[in-house]
Protein backbone atom coordinates (compact mmCIF):
# COMPACT_ATOMS: atom_id res chain seq x y z
CA MET A 1 7.11 -89.41 -27.73
CA LYS A 2 3.67 -88.26 -27.78
CA LEU A 3 3.28 -84.86 -29.20
CA PHE A 4 -0.15 -84.44 -27.82
CA SER A 5 0.12 -85.30 -24.51
CA THR A 6 -2.04 -83.86 -21.52
CA LYS A 7 1.16 -82.33 -20.14
CA ASN A 8 2.30 -80.62 -23.45
CA ILE A 9 -0.95 -79.16 -23.84
CA GLY A 10 -1.34 -77.87 -20.15
CA GLY A 11 2.11 -76.42 -20.39
CA ALA A 12 1.39 -74.87 -23.89
CA LEU A 13 -2.22 -73.69 -22.47
CA LEU A 14 -0.47 -72.25 -19.39
CA GLY A 15 2.30 -70.61 -21.42
CA PHE A 16 -0.50 -69.10 -23.73
CA VAL A 17 -2.66 -67.66 -20.89
CA MET A 18 0.57 -66.09 -19.13
CA LEU A 19 1.62 -64.39 -22.38
CA MET A 20 -1.62 -63.21 -23.01
CA GLY A 21 -1.81 -61.90 -19.36
CA ILE A 22 1.30 -60.31 -19.85
CA VAL A 23 0.40 -58.57 -23.16
CA MET A 24 -2.78 -57.31 -21.63
CA VAL A 25 -1.14 -55.74 -18.57
CA SER A 26 1.72 -54.17 -20.56
CA GLY A 27 -0.99 -52.22 -22.78
CA THR A 28 -2.74 -50.41 -19.93
CA THR A 29 -1.55 -47.31 -18.40
CA THR A 30 -1.17 -47.11 -14.81
CA GLN A 31 -3.15 -44.76 -12.53
CA ALA A 32 -1.83 -42.61 -9.46
CA GLN A 33 -3.23 -43.88 -6.38
CA TYR A 34 -6.40 -42.11 -5.03
CA TYR A 35 -5.94 -40.45 -1.75
CA PRO A 36 -9.12 -39.38 0.14
CA ASN A 37 -7.80 -35.86 1.07
CA GLN A 38 -6.03 -35.12 -2.35
CA ASP A 39 -8.97 -32.68 -3.07
CA GLN A 40 -8.66 -30.91 0.14
CA TYR A 41 -4.76 -30.10 -0.60
CA ARG A 42 -5.36 -29.22 -3.82
CA ARG A 43 -7.98 -26.70 -2.77
CA GLN A 44 -5.65 -25.32 0.09
CA ARG A 45 -2.87 -24.94 -2.68
CA ASP A 46 -5.11 -22.89 -4.70
CA TYR A 47 -6.53 -20.88 -1.87
CA GLU A 48 -2.73 -19.96 -0.72
CA ARG A 49 -1.95 -18.89 -4.55
CA ALA A 50 -5.19 -16.82 -4.72
CA GLN A 51 -4.25 -15.14 -1.49
CA ARG A 52 -0.82 -14.19 -2.49
CA GLU A 53 -2.09 -12.94 -5.59
CA ARG A 54 -4.86 -10.91 -3.53
CA GLU A 55 -1.73 -9.54 -1.49
CA ARG A 56 0.36 -8.57 -4.48
CA GLN A 57 -2.51 -6.82 -5.97
CA ALA A 58 -3.41 -4.81 -3.17
CA GLU A 59 0.24 -4.08 -2.51
CA ILE A 60 0.33 -2.68 -6.16
CA GLU A 61 -3.01 -0.56 -5.52
CA ARG A 62 -1.64 1.13 -2.45
CA GLN A 63 1.80 2.00 -4.13
CA ARG A 64 -0.30 3.29 -7.06
CA GLN A 65 -2.63 5.42 -4.54
CA GLN A 66 0.68 6.73 -2.75
CA GLN A 67 1.94 7.86 -6.32
CA ASN A 68 -1.44 9.39 -6.94
CA ASP A 69 -1.45 11.47 -3.55
CA GLN A 70 2.23 12.60 -4.00
CA TYR A 71 1.22 13.89 -7.51
CA TYR A 72 -1.77 15.60 -6.22
CA ARG A 73 0.18 17.44 -3.69
CA ASN A 74 2.97 18.42 -5.92
CA ASP A 75 0.39 19.56 -8.53
CA GLN A 76 -1.84 21.72 -6.17
CA TRP A 77 0.72 24.44 -6.64
CA ASN A 78 0.43 24.32 -10.57
CA ARG A 79 -3.28 24.58 -10.44
CA ASN A 80 -3.33 27.67 -8.37
CA ASP A 81 -2.62 31.27 -9.49
CA GLN A 82 -0.30 33.68 -7.71
CA TRP A 83 -3.49 34.76 -5.17
CA GLY A 84 -3.94 30.72 -4.21
CA ARG A 85 -6.96 30.86 -6.33
CA ASN A 86 -7.67 27.47 -8.08
CA ASN A 87 -9.24 27.14 -11.54
CA ASN A 88 -12.82 27.95 -10.78
CA GLY A 89 -11.75 31.46 -9.41
CA ARG A 90 -12.05 30.56 -5.75
CA ARG A 91 -9.63 30.49 -3.08
CA GLY A 92 -9.05 27.15 -1.36
CA ARG A 93 -11.37 24.73 -0.41
CA ASN A 94 -13.99 27.10 1.00
CA GLY A 95 -12.53 29.85 -0.61
CA ASP A 96 -10.77 31.54 2.00
CA GLY A 97 -7.48 31.63 0.41
CA TYR A 98 -5.50 28.70 2.40
CA GLY A 99 -5.49 26.46 -0.56
CA ASN A 100 -6.27 22.70 -0.28
CA GLN A 101 -3.81 20.62 1.46
CA GLY A 102 -6.03 17.59 2.04
CA GLY A 103 -6.98 16.33 5.70
CA SER A 104 -10.23 16.31 7.75
CA TYR A 105 -12.19 19.53 8.27
CA GLU A 106 -11.12 19.16 12.12
CA LEU A 107 -7.45 19.03 11.06
CA ARG A 108 -7.95 22.02 8.82
CA GLN A 109 -10.02 24.27 10.98
CA THR A 110 -7.64 23.48 14.23
CA ALA A 111 -4.61 24.33 12.19
CA LEU A 112 -5.93 27.57 10.70
CA ASN A 113 -7.46 28.77 13.73
CA ALA A 114 -4.13 28.17 15.95
CA GLY A 115 -1.73 29.17 13.19
CA TYR A 116 -3.58 32.60 12.85
CA ASN A 117 -3.75 33.07 16.72
CA GLU A 118 -0.03 32.39 16.77
CA GLY A 119 0.66 34.65 14.21
CA ARG A 120 -1.41 37.35 15.38
CA LYS A 121 0.31 37.23 18.57
CA ALA A 122 3.96 37.28 17.17
CA GLY A 123 2.86 40.06 14.62
CA ARG A 124 1.99 42.38 17.55
CA ASN A 125 5.24 41.69 19.28
CA ASP A 126 7.31 42.03 16.35
CA SER A 127 5.59 45.70 15.52
CA ARG A 128 6.69 46.96 18.80
CA SER A 129 10.27 46.20 17.74
CA GLY A 130 9.69 47.21 14.20
CA ARG A 131 10.87 43.94 12.73
CA TYR A 132 8.69 42.01 10.13
CA ASP A 133 10.04 38.59 9.83
CA PRO A 134 7.22 35.78 10.44
CA THR A 135 9.55 32.92 9.77
CA ARG A 136 11.76 34.06 12.87
CA SER A 137 9.12 32.58 15.17
CA SER A 138 9.61 29.37 16.63
CA ALA A 139 6.04 28.75 16.52
CA TYR A 140 6.08 29.11 12.72
CA ARG A 141 8.97 27.01 12.23
CA ASN A 142 7.49 24.13 14.57
CA ALA A 143 3.78 24.71 13.39
CA MET A 144 2.73 21.88 15.80
CA LYS A 145 0.35 24.23 18.37
CA ASP A 146 -2.78 22.19 19.18
CA TYR A 147 -1.95 19.38 16.77
CA ASN A 148 -3.09 15.73 17.46
CA SER A 149 -1.97 12.97 15.67
CA ARG A 150 -5.65 11.53 15.40
CA MET A 151 -6.56 14.64 13.56
CA GLY A 152 -4.43 13.03 10.15
CA ASP A 153 -1.21 14.28 8.47
CA ARG A 154 0.98 16.38 10.29
CA TYR A 155 2.55 17.67 6.90
CA ALA A 156 -1.20 19.08 5.79
CA TYR A 157 -1.47 20.39 9.32
CA GLN A 158 1.96 22.18 9.42
CA GLU A 159 1.17 23.79 5.98
CA TYR A 160 -2.31 25.08 6.92
CA PHE A 161 -0.73 26.29 10.00
CA ARG A 162 1.86 28.34 8.43
CA ALA A 163 -0.30 29.83 5.85
CA ALA A 164 -2.47 31.22 8.50
CA PHE A 165 0.15 32.29 10.68
CA GLU A 166 1.45 34.67 7.66
CA ASN A 167 -2.10 36.13 7.60
CA GLY A 168 -2.43 36.44 11.31
CA TYR A 169 1.20 38.02 11.39
CA SER A 170 0.57 40.76 9.07
CA ASP A 171 -2.77 41.52 10.95
CA GLY A 172 -1.16 41.55 14.25
CA TYR A 173 1.61 43.60 12.94
CA ASN A 174 -0.42 46.05 11.21
CA GLY A 175 -2.66 46.77 14.35
CA TYR A 176 -5.96 44.70 13.27
C-alpha cells in the first residue's frame, strides 16, 4: 500500500483545508444584519421617549404652578393687616383697600363697580327697615352680577364683588 498516493494526499489536504476553515469561522463574531431603515426606527423611538419626558416635565411644572397659586391665595390674608394694607402700607393693588385676589384689570374693575353699586342699593333698602345685614342679600351671596367667564377666575371675581358690596352697602345704609 502506498502511503503517499495522490488520493491520500488529496484527502489529507482537503481535510486540512476544511479543518482550517472551521477554525477560522468559529473564531469570528457574528454581526446582526443591517436593515436600511434601522436608523429611522431608532430615531423615532428616541423622539417618542423624549416627547414623553417633555410631557412629564410639563405636567410637573403645571402642578407646581397650581400649588404656588394656591399658596399665594392663602398667604394673601397673612400678609395684609386688619385694614387690608400690605407690607408697603398701601391697600390692595392700587391702594384702594380691596386687596389683590389676582385676575385681570377688567375682571377687578367690573367686580368692584358691580359689587359697590349692588351693595349701595341693598344698603339703601335695608336702611328703610332698620336692619344692617349685607350678607342677607342674594346679590352678595351669588356675587355673579356682570360676570363673564371670558374675564377670568370666578373665585377672584366673587371676592372683589363681595368686598366692594360691603363698602357700597355701608355707604348706602348711611345715606351717602
